[in-house]
Amino acid sequence: MVKGQRQGPRKSTNSLVKELDAAIALLTRARTLAASNNGNPKAVSSTSQGGKAKRTLSTEAREAIAAAQRKRWAKVRRQKKLAQRGMLGK
C-alpha cells in the first residue's frame, strides 16, 4: 500500500467484535449439529464450555453393568464367608 492512501472506511471495534461473536455462534451451532446423532443438538453437549461431552447408556448397557457389579459383589461375599468358616474351623 502506498503511503498516504486510505484503505476506505474503517469499521468500529464494537462492530467487528459483534461480527466475530455472530460468526463464532454460527460455527458452534454448525459443529454441534454435525457432531450430533440425527441432527439432534441435545445429544452432544458443548465442549467449548470446558466440560466433557455427556454420554448416555442404553437401558440394556446399564443392566449389563449392574449385573456384572452384582456378580463381583457376590464373589467378594462368598470369599469373605469362606474365609470366616476357615478361621472358625481351625
PDB file of N, CA and C in Angstrom:
ATOM      1  N   MET A   1       0.845  -1.177   0.000  1.00  0.00           N
ATOM      2  CA  MET A   1       0.000   0.000   0.000  1.00  0.00           C
ATOM      3  C   MET A   1       0.890   1.239   0.000  1.00  0.00           C
ATOM      4  N   VAL A   2       0.503   2.202  -0.764  1.00  0.00           N
ATOM      5  CA  VAL A   2       1.263   3.435  -0.896  1.00  0.00           C
ATOM      6  C   VAL A   2       0.934   4.326   0.292  1.00  0.00           C
ATOM      7  N   LYS A   3       1.963   4.939   0.819  1.00  0.00           N
ATOM      8  CA  LYS A   3       1.774   5.805   1.978  1.00  0.00           C
ATOM      9  C   LYS A   3       0.899   6.989   1.607  1.00  0.00           C
ATOM     10  N   GLY A   4      -0.011   7.292   2.470  1.00  0.00           N
ATOM     11  CA  GLY A   4      -0.876   8.431   2.248  1.00  0.00           C
ATOM     12  C   GLY A   4      -2.232   8.056   1.669  1.00  0.00           C
ATOM     13  N   GLN A   5      -2.386   6.843   1.126  1.00  0.00           N
ATOM     14  CA  GLN A   5      -3.680   6.438   0.589  1.00  0.00           C
ATOM     15  C   GLN A   5      -4.503   5.807   1.700  1.00  0.00           C
ATOM     16  N   ARG A   6      -5.770   6.048   1.640  1.00  0.00           N
ATOM     17  CA  ARG A   6      -6.680   5.473   2.640  1.00  0.00           C
ATOM     18  C   ARG A   6      -7.207   4.147   2.144  1.00  0.00           C
ATOM     19  N   GLN A   7      -7.472   3.234   3.085  1.00  0.00           N
ATOM     20  CA  GLN A   7      -8.000   1.931   2.731  1.00  0.00           C
ATOM     21  C   GLN A   7      -9.496   1.971   2.509  1.00  0.00           C
ATOM     22  N   GLY A   8     -10.129   2.926   2.989  1.00  0.00           N
ATOM     23  CA  GLY A   8     -11.574   3.004   2.917  1.00  0.00           C
ATOM     24  C   GLY A   8     -12.111   3.203   4.329  1.00  0.00           C
ATOM     25  N   PRO A   9     -13.440   3.228   4.472  1.00  0.00           N
ATOM     26  CA  PRO A   9     -13.983   3.445   5.809  1.00  0.00           C
ATOM     27  C   PRO A   9     -13.663   2.260   6.731  1.00  0.00           C
ATOM     28  N   ARG A  10     -13.205   2.588   7.912  1.00  0.00           N
ATOM     29  CA  ARG A  10     -12.890   1.555   8.900  1.00  0.00           C
ATOM     30  C   ARG A  10     -14.113   1.237   9.729  1.00  0.00           C
ATOM     31  N   LYS A  11     -14.196  -0.025  10.107  1.00  0.00           N
ATOM     32  CA  LYS A  11     -15.286  -0.433  10.984  1.00  0.00           C
ATOM     33  C   LYS A  11     -14.861  -0.184  12.417  1.00  0.00           C
ATOM     34  N   SER A  12     -15.839   0.104  13.230  1.00  0.00           N
ATOM     35  CA  SER A  12     -15.513   0.324  14.632  1.00  0.00           C
ATOM     36  C   SER A  12     -15.188  -1.011  15.289  1.00  0.00           C
ATOM     37  N   THR A  13     -14.463  -0.943  16.375  1.00  0.00           N
ATOM     38  CA  THR A  13     -14.078  -2.159  17.099  1.00  0.00           C
ATOM     39  C   THR A  13     -15.301  -2.913  17.580  1.00  0.00           C
ATOM     40  N   ASN A  14     -16.307  -2.185  18.033  1.00  0.00           N
ATOM     41  CA  ASN A  14     -17.523  -2.837  18.533  1.00  0.00           C
ATOM     42  C   ASN A  14     -18.219  -3.640  17.440  1.00  0.00           C
ATOM     43  N   SER A  15     -18.283  -3.084  16.231  1.00  0.00           N
ATOM     44  CA  SER A  15     -18.962  -3.811  15.159  1.00  0.00           C
ATOM     45  C   SER A  15     -18.158  -5.043  14.745  1.00  0.00           C
ATOM     46  N   LEU A  16     -16.834  -4.954  14.778  1.00  0.00           N
ATOM     47  CA  LEU A  16     -16.006  -6.118  14.472  1.00  0.00           C
ATOM     48  C   LEU A  16     -16.206  -7.221  15.507  1.00  0.00           C
ATOM     49  N   VAL A  17     -16.272  -6.838  16.757  1.00  0.00           N
ATOM     50  CA  VAL A  17     -16.465  -7.812  17.825  1.00  0.00           C
ATOM     51  C   VAL A  17     -17.831  -8.481  17.683  1.00  0.00           C
ATOM     52  N   LYS A  18     -18.843  -7.693  17.352  1.00  0.00           N
ATOM     53  CA  LYS A  18     -20.182  -8.257  17.168  1.00  0.00           C
ATOM     54  C   LYS A  18     -20.213  -9.238  16.009  1.00  0.00           C
ATOM     55  N   GLU A  19     -19.542  -8.900  14.913  1.00  0.00           N
ATOM     56  CA  GLU A  19     -19.494  -9.797  13.760  1.00  0.00           C
ATOM     57  C   GLU A  19     -18.757 -11.089  14.093  1.00  0.00           C
ATOM     58  N   LEU A  20     -17.668 -10.967  14.822  1.00  0.00           N
ATOM     59  CA  LEU A  20     -16.914 -12.156  15.221  1.00  0.00           C
ATOM     60  C   LEU A  20     -17.738 -13.043  16.155  1.00  0.00           C
ATOM     61  N   ASP A  21     -18.436 -12.436  17.105  1.00  0.00           N
ATOM     62  CA  ASP A  21     -19.289 -13.205  18.015  1.00  0.00           C
ATOM     63  C   ASP A  21     -20.386 -13.944  17.258  1.00  0.00           C
ATOM     64  N   ALA A  22     -20.976 -13.286  16.287  1.00  0.00           N
ATOM     65  CA  ALA A  22     -22.026 -13.922  15.485  1.00  0.00           C
ATOM     66  C   ALA A  22     -21.456 -15.091  14.683  1.00  0.00           C
ATOM     67  N   ALA A  23     -20.270 -14.910  14.114  1.00  0.00           N
ATOM     68  CA  ALA A  23     -19.642 -15.984  13.339  1.00  0.00           C
ATOM     69  C   ALA A  23     -19.287 -17.164  14.237  1.00  0.00           C
ATOM     70  N   ILE A  24     -18.780 -16.902  15.429  1.00  0.00           N
ATOM     71  CA  ILE A  24     -18.436 -17.967  16.373  1.00  0.00           C
ATOM     72  C   ILE A  24     -19.688 -18.725  16.790  1.00  0.00           C
ATOM     73  N   ALA A  25     -20.764 -18.012  17.067  1.00  0.00           N
ATOM     74  CA  ALA A  25     -22.020 -18.666  17.458  1.00  0.00           C
ATOM     75  C   ALA A  25     -22.536 -19.555  16.331  1.00  0.00           C
ATOM     76  N   LEU A  26     -22.445 -19.066  15.105  1.00  0.00           N
ATOM     77  CA  LEU A  26     -22.898 -19.839  13.953  1.00  0.00           C
ATOM     78  C   LEU A  26     -22.051 -21.103  13.774  1.00  0.00           C
ATOM     79  N   LEU A  27     -20.744 -20.964  13.894  1.00  0.00           N
ATOM     80  CA  LEU A  27     -19.853 -22.126  13.769  1.00  0.00           C
ATOM     81  C   LEU A  27     -20.079 -23.128  14.899  1.00  0.00           C
ATOM     82  N   THR A  28     -20.331 -22.652  16.097  1.00  0.00           N
ATOM     83  CA  THR A  28     -20.586 -23.547  17.227  1.00  0.00           C
ATOM     84  C   THR A  28     -21.850 -24.354  16.991  1.00  0.00           C
ATOM     85  N   ARG A  29     -22.906 -23.686  16.516  1.00  0.00           N
ATOM     86  CA  ARG A  29     -24.161 -24.400  16.224  1.00  0.00           C
ATOM     87  C   ARG A  29     -23.953 -25.427  15.119  1.00  0.00           C
ATOM     88  N   ALA A  30     -23.219 -25.051  14.086  1.00  0.00           N
ATOM     89  CA  ALA A  30     -22.970 -25.968  12.973  1.00  0.00           C
ATOM     90  C   ALA A  30     -22.158 -27.170  13.440  1.00  0.00           C
ATOM     91  N   ARG A  31     -21.175 -26.930  14.283  1.00  0.00           N
ATOM     92  CA  ARG A  31     -20.351 -28.023  14.805  1.00  0.00           C
ATOM     93  C   ARG A  31     -21.179 -28.970  15.659  1.00  0.00           C
ATOM     94  N   THR A  32     -22.046 -28.435  16.496  1.00  0.00           N
ATOM     95  CA  THR A  32     -22.891 -29.255  17.354  1.00  0.00           C
ATOM     96  C   THR A  32     -23.841 -30.101  16.517  1.00  0.00           C
ATOM     97  N   LEU A  33     -24.440 -29.493  15.504  1.00  0.00           N
ATOM     98  CA  LEU A  33     -25.351 -30.237  14.634  1.00  0.00           C
ATOM     99  C   LEU A  33     -24.619 -31.322  13.854  1.00  0.00           C
ATOM    100  N   ALA A  34     -23.414 -31.035  13.405  1.00  0.00           N
ATOM    101  CA  ALA A  34     -22.656 -32.010  12.626  1.00  0.00           C
ATOM    102  C   ALA A  34     -22.235 -33.190  13.492  1.00  0.00           C
ATOM    103  N   ALA A  35     -21.955 -32.934  14.760  1.00  0.00           N
ATOM    104  CA  ALA A  35     -21.474 -33.993  15.649  1.00  0.00           C
ATOM    105  C   ALA A  35     -22.612 -34.777  16.286  1.00  0.00           C
ATOM    106  N   SER A  36     -23.801 -34.248  16.244  1.00  0.00           N
ATOM    107  CA  SER A  36     -24.912 -34.907  16.927  1.00  0.00           C
ATOM    108  C   SER A  36     -25.468 -36.063  16.114  1.00  0.00           C
ATOM    109  N   ASN A  37     -26.219 -36.894  16.779  1.00  0.00           N
ATOM    110  CA  ASN A  37     -26.869 -38.022  16.116  1.00  0.00           C
ATOM    111  C   ASN A  37     -28.192 -37.579  15.536  1.00  0.00           C
ATOM    112  N   ASN A  38     -28.375 -37.808  14.255  1.00  0.00           N
ATOM    113  CA  ASN A  38     -29.623 -37.491  13.547  1.00  0.00           C
ATOM    114  C   ASN A  38     -30.003 -36.021  13.651  1.00  0.00           C
ATOM    115  N   GLY A  39     -29.043 -35.143  13.777  1.00  0.00           N
ATOM    116  CA  GLY A  39     -29.328 -33.719  13.826  1.00  0.00           C
ATOM    117  C   GLY A  39     -29.944 -33.259  15.133  1.00  0.00           C
ATOM    118  N   ASN A  40     -29.861 -34.081  16.182  1.00  0.00           N
ATOM    119  CA  ASN A  40     -30.408 -33.706  17.481  1.00  0.00           C
ATOM    120  C   ASN A  40     -29.334 -32.985  18.287  1.00  0.00           C
ATOM    121  N   PRO A  41     -29.413 -31.649  18.433  1.00  0.00           N
ATOM    122  CA  PRO A  41     -28.347 -30.914  19.113  1.00  0.00           C
ATOM    123  C   PRO A  41     -28.252 -31.218  20.597  1.00  0.00           C
ATOM    124  N   LYS A  42     -29.279 -31.808  21.208  1.00  0.00           N
ATOM    125  CA  LYS A  42     -29.219 -32.128  22.627  1.00  0.00           C
ATOM    126  C   LYS A  42     -28.399 -33.388  22.892  1.00  0.00           C
ATOM    127  N   ALA A  43     -28.107 -34.163  21.856  1.00  0.00           N
ATOM    128  CA  ALA A  43     -27.372 -35.407  22.027  1.00  0.00           C
ATOM    129  C   ALA A  43     -25.907 -35.157  22.358  1.00  0.00           C
ATOM    130  N   VAL A  44     -25.370 -34.001  21.964  1.00  0.00           N
ATOM    131  CA  VAL A  44     -23.972 -33.678  22.216  1.00  0.00           C
ATOM    132  C   VAL A  44     -23.923 -32.378  22.996  1.00  0.00           C
ATOM    133  N   SER A  45     -23.249 -32.401  24.135  1.00  0.00           N
ATOM    134  CA  SER A  45     -23.136 -31.166  24.893  1.00  0.00           C
ATOM    135  C   SER A  45     -21.940 -30.382  24.387  1.00  0.00           C
ATOM    136  N   SER A  46     -21.940 -29.121  24.620  1.00  0.00           N
ATOM    137  CA  SER A  46     -20.887 -28.251  24.127  1.00  0.00           C
ATOM    138  C   SER A  46     -19.621 -28.455  24.939  1.00  0.00           C
ATOM    139  N   THR A  47     -18.522 -28.773  24.268  1.00  0.00           N
ATOM    140  CA  THR A  47     -17.251 -28.931  24.960  1.00  0.00           C
ATOM    141  C   THR A  47     -16.518 -27.601  25.040  1.00  0.00           C
ATOM    142  N   SER A  48     -17.041 -26.566  24.398  1.00  0.00           N
ATOM    143  CA  SER A  48     -16.373 -25.270  24.440  1.00  0.00           C
ATOM    144  C   SER A  48     -16.496 -24.620  25.814  1.00  0.00           C
ATOM    145  N   GLN A  49     -17.389 -25.143  26.650  1.00  0.00           N
ATOM    146  CA  GLN A  49     -17.547 -24.586  27.987  1.00  0.00           C
ATOM    147  C   GLN A  49     -16.623 -25.267  28.980  1.00  0.00           C
ATOM    148  N   GLY A  50     -15.743 -26.128  28.504  1.00  0.00           N
ATOM    149  CA  GLY A  50     -14.763 -26.749  29.370  1.00  0.00           C
ATOM    150  C   GLY A  50     -15.180 -28.094  29.919  1.00  0.00           C
ATOM    151  N   GLY A  51     -16.414 -28.528  29.714  1.00  0.00           N
ATOM    152  CA  GLY A  51     -16.864 -29.808  30.240  1.00  0.00           C
ATOM    153  C   GLY A  51     -16.722 -30.892  29.213  1.00  0.00           C
ATOM    154  N   LYS A  52     -16.813 -32.121  29.687  1.00  0.00           N
ATOM    155  CA  LYS A  52     -16.774 -33.243  28.760  1.00  0.00           C
ATOM    156  C   LYS A  52     -18.149 -33.441  28.162  1.00  0.00           C
ATOM    157  N   ALA A  53     -18.181 -34.000  26.976  1.00  0.00           N
ATOM    158  CA  ALA A  53     -19.455 -34.306  26.345  1.00  0.00           C
ATOM    159  C   ALA A  53     -20.150 -35.404  27.139  1.00  0.00           C
ATOM    160  N   LYS A  54     -21.442 -35.258  27.342  1.00  0.00           N
ATOM    161  CA  LYS A  54     -22.193 -36.226  28.125  1.00  0.00           C
ATOM    162  C   LYS A  54     -22.473 -37.463  27.280  1.00  0.00           C
ATOM    163  N   ARG A  55     -22.263 -38.629  27.888  1.00  0.00           N
ATOM    164  CA  ARG A  55     -22.521 -39.883  27.193  1.00  0.00           C
ATOM    165  C   ARG A  55     -23.658 -40.591  27.899  1.00  0.00           C
ATOM    166  N   THR A  56     -24.622 -41.046  27.131  1.00  0.00           N
ATOM    167  CA  THR A  56     -25.747 -41.752  27.714  1.00  0.00           C
ATOM    168  C   THR A  56     -25.662 -43.223  27.346  1.00  0.00           C
ATOM    169  N   LEU A  57     -26.028 -44.069  28.302  1.00  0.00           N
ATOM    170  CA  LEU A  57     -26.016 -45.510  28.087  1.00  0.00           C
ATOM    171  C   LEU A  57     -27.427 -45.997  27.828  1.00  0.00           C
ATOM    172  N   SER A  58     -27.530 -47.053  27.047  1.00  0.00           N
ATOM    173  CA  SER A  58     -28.832 -47.653  26.813  1.00  0.00           C
ATOM    174  C   SER A  58     -29.260 -48.419  28.061  1.00  0.00           C
ATOM    175  N   THR A  59     -30.532 -48.743  28.134  1.00  0.00           N
ATOM    176  CA  THR A  59     -31.054 -49.499  29.267  1.00  0.00           C
ATOM    177  C   THR A  59     -30.373 -50.855  29.360  1.00  0.00           C
ATOM    178  N   GLU A  60     -30.159 -51.498  28.215  1.00  0.00           N
ATOM    179  CA  GLU A  60     -29.506 -52.804  28.198  1.00  0.00           C
ATOM    180  C   GLU A  60     -28.078 -52.707  28.737  1.00  0.00           C
ATOM    181  N   ALA A  61     -27.366 -51.666  28.361  1.00  0.00           N
ATOM    182  CA  ALA A  61     -25.991 -51.495  28.823  1.00  0.00           C
ATOM    183  C   ALA A  61     -25.955 -51.270  30.328  1.00  0.00           C
ATOM    184  N   ARG A  62     -26.880 -50.446  30.840  1.00  0.00           N
ATOM    185  CA  ARG A  62     -26.925 -50.216  32.294  1.00  0.00           C
ATOM    186  C   ARG A  62     -27.234 -51.500  33.048  1.00  0.00           C
ATOM    187  N   GLU A  63     -28.152 -52.306  32.508  1.00  0.00           N
ATOM    188  CA  GLU A  63     -28.487 -53.585  33.141  1.00  0.00           C
ATOM    189  C   GLU A  63     -27.292 -54.531  33.137  1.00  0.00           C
ATOM    190  N   ALA A  64     -26.563 -54.566  32.039  1.00  0.00           N
ATOM    191  CA  ALA A  64     -25.391 -55.441  31.950  1.00  0.00           C
ATOM    192  C   ALA A  64     -24.322 -55.015  32.954  1.00  0.00           C
ATOM    193  N   ILE A  65     -24.119 -53.726  33.099  1.00  0.00           N
ATOM    194  CA  ILE A  65     -23.140 -53.217  34.061  1.00  0.00           C
ATOM    195  C   ILE A  65     -23.584 -53.554  35.482  1.00  0.00           C
ATOM    196  N   ALA A  66     -24.866 -53.374  35.766  1.00  0.00           N
ATOM    197  CA  ALA A  66     -25.389 -53.676  37.103  1.00  0.00           C
ATOM    198  C   ALA A  66     -25.256 -55.166  37.404  1.00  0.00           C
ATOM    199  N   ALA A  67     -25.550 -56.017  36.440  1.00  0.00           N
ATOM    200  CA  ALA A  67     -25.437 -57.462  36.649  1.00  0.00           C
ATOM    201  C   ALA A  67     -23.986 -57.860  36.919  1.00  0.00           C
ATOM    202  N   ALA A  68     -23.064 -57.279  36.185  1.00  0.00           N
ATOM    203  CA  ALA A  68     -21.646 -57.570  36.397  1.00  0.00           C
ATOM    204  C   ALA A  68     -21.201 -57.130  37.789  1.00  0.00           C
ATOM    205  N   GLN A  69     -21.689 -55.983  38.228  1.00  0.00           N
ATOM    206  CA  GLN A  69     -21.321 -55.495  39.565  1.00  0.00           C
ATOM    207  C   GLN A  69     -21.904 -56.407  40.643  1.00  0.00           C
ATOM    208  N   ARG A  70     -23.157 -56.854  40.459  1.00  0.00           N
ATOM    209  CA  ARG A  70     -23.748 -57.787  41.429  1.00  0.00           C
ATOM    210  C   ARG A  70     -22.938 -59.076  41.496  1.00  0.00           C
ATOM    211  N   LYS A  71     -22.467 -59.533  40.342  1.00  0.00           N
ATOM    212  CA  LYS A  71     -21.661 -60.750  40.299  1.00  0.00           C
ATOM    213  C   LYS A  71     -20.346 -60.549  41.054  1.00  0.00           C
ATOM    214  N   ARG A  72     -19.715 -59.395  40.886  1.00  0.00           N
ATOM    215  CA  ARG A  72     -18.464 -59.116  41.601  1.00  0.00           C
ATOM    216  C   ARG A  72     -18.688 -59.081  43.103  1.00  0.00           C
ATOM    217  N   TRP A  73     -19.776 -58.427  43.530  1.00  0.00           N
ATOM    218  CA  TRP A  73     -20.058 -58.353  44.970  1.00  0.00           C
ATOM    219  C   TRP A  73     -20.377 -59.731  45.538  1.00  0.00           C
ATOM    220  N   ALA A  74     -21.080 -60.566  44.781  1.00  0.00           N
ATOM    221  CA  ALA A  74     -21.379 -61.922  45.241  1.00  0.00           C
ATOM    222  C   ALA A  74     -20.081 -62.699  45.447  1.00  0.00           C
ATOM    223  N   LYS A  75     -19.131 -62.520  44.565  1.00  0.00           N
ATOM    224  CA  LYS A  75     -17.841 -63.198  44.691  1.00  0.00           C
ATOM    225  C   LYS A  75     -17.117 -62.729  45.956  1.00  0.00           C
ATOM    226  N   VAL A  76     -17.144 -61.430  46.217  1.00  0.00           N
ATOM    227  CA  VAL A  76     -16.493 -60.887  47.419  1.00  0.00           C
ATOM    228  C   VAL A  76     -17.149 -61.462  48.671  1.00  0.00           C
ATOM    229  N   ARG A  77     -18.483 -61.478  48.688  1.00  0.00           N
ATOM    230  CA  ARG A  77     -19.191 -62.014  49.861  1.00  0.00           C
ATOM    231  C   ARG A  77     -18.896 -63.503  50.055  1.00  0.00           C
ATOM    232  N   ARG A  78     -18.854 -64.234  48.953  1.00  0.00           N
ATOM    233  CA  ARG A  78     -18.581 -65.665  49.013  1.00  0.00           C
ATOM    234  C   ARG A  78     -17.179 -65.915  49.577  1.00  0.00           C
ATOM    235  N   GLN A  79     -16.196 -65.149  49.134  1.00  0.00           N
ATOM    236  CA  GLN A  79     -14.828 -65.301  49.628  1.00  0.00           C
ATOM    237  C   GLN A  79     -14.735 -64.919  51.107  1.00  0.00           C
ATOM    238  N   LYS A  80     -15.469 -63.892  51.496  1.00  0.00           N
ATOM    239  CA  LYS A  80     -15.464 -63.472  52.897  1.00  0.00           C
ATOM    240  C   LYS A  80     -16.060 -64.564  53.774  1.00  0.00           C
ATOM    241  N   LYS A  81     -17.162 -65.158  53.304  1.00  0.00           N
ATOM    242  CA  LYS A  81     -17.824 -66.216  54.056  1.00  0.00           C
ATOM    243  C   LYS A  81     -16.906 -67.434  54.186  1.00  0.00           C
ATOM    244  N   LEU A  82     -16.230 -67.807  53.110  1.00  0.00           N
ATOM    245  CA  LEU A  82     -15.299 -68.929  53.148  1.00  0.00           C
ATOM    246  C   LEU A  82     -14.133 -68.658  54.094  1.00  0.00           C
ATOM    247  N   ALA A  83     -13.655 -67.420  54.103  1.00  0.00           N
ATOM    248  CA  ALA A  83     -12.545 -67.054  54.982  1.00  0.00           C
ATOM    249  C   ALA A  83     -12.977 -67.158  56.449  1.00  0.00           C
ATOM    250  N   GLN A  84     -14.201 -66.731  56.749  1.00  0.00           N
ATOM    251  CA  GLN A  84     -14.695 -66.809  58.134  1.00  0.00           C
ATOM    252  C   GLN A  84     -14.850 -68.256  58.559  1.00  0.00           C
ATOM    253  N   ARG A  85     -15.339 -69.105  57.690  1.00  0.00           N
ATOM    254  CA  ARG A  85     -15.501 -70.534  58.003  1.00  0.00           C
ATOM    255  C   ARG A  85     -14.141 -71.176  58.215  1.00  0.00           C
ATOM    256  N   GLY A  86     -13.172 -70.786  57.431  1.00  0.00           N
ATOM    257  CA  GLY A  86     -11.820 -71.325  57.560  1.00  0.00           C
ATOM    258  C   GLY A  86     -11.187 -70.943  58.878  1.00  0.00           C
ATOM    259  N   MET A  87     -11.464 -69.730  59.343  1.00  0.00           N
ATOM    260  CA  MET A  87     -10.905 -69.270  60.626  1.00  0.00           C
ATOM    261  C   MET A  87     -11.573 -70.000  61.778  1.00  0.00           C
ATOM    262  N   LEU A  88     -12.871 -70.256  61.671  1.00  0.00           N
ATOM    263  CA  LEU A  88     -13.602 -70.906  62.744  1.00  0.00           C
ATOM    264  C   LEU A  88     -13.248 -72.397  62.804  1.00  0.00           C
ATOM    265  N   GLY A  89     -12.946 -72.996  61.666  1.00  0.00           N
ATOM    266  CA  GLY A  89     -12.670 -74.422  61.609  1.00  0.00           C
ATOM    267  C   GLY A  89     -11.312 -74.796  62.198  1.00  0.00           C
ATOM    268  N   LYS A  90     -10.400 -73.858  62.327  1.00  0.00           N
ATOM    269  CA  LYS A  90      -9.051 -74.168  62.819  1.00  0.00           C
ATOM    270  C   LYS A  90      -8.945 -74.141  64.299  1.00  0.00           C
TER     271      LYS A  90
END
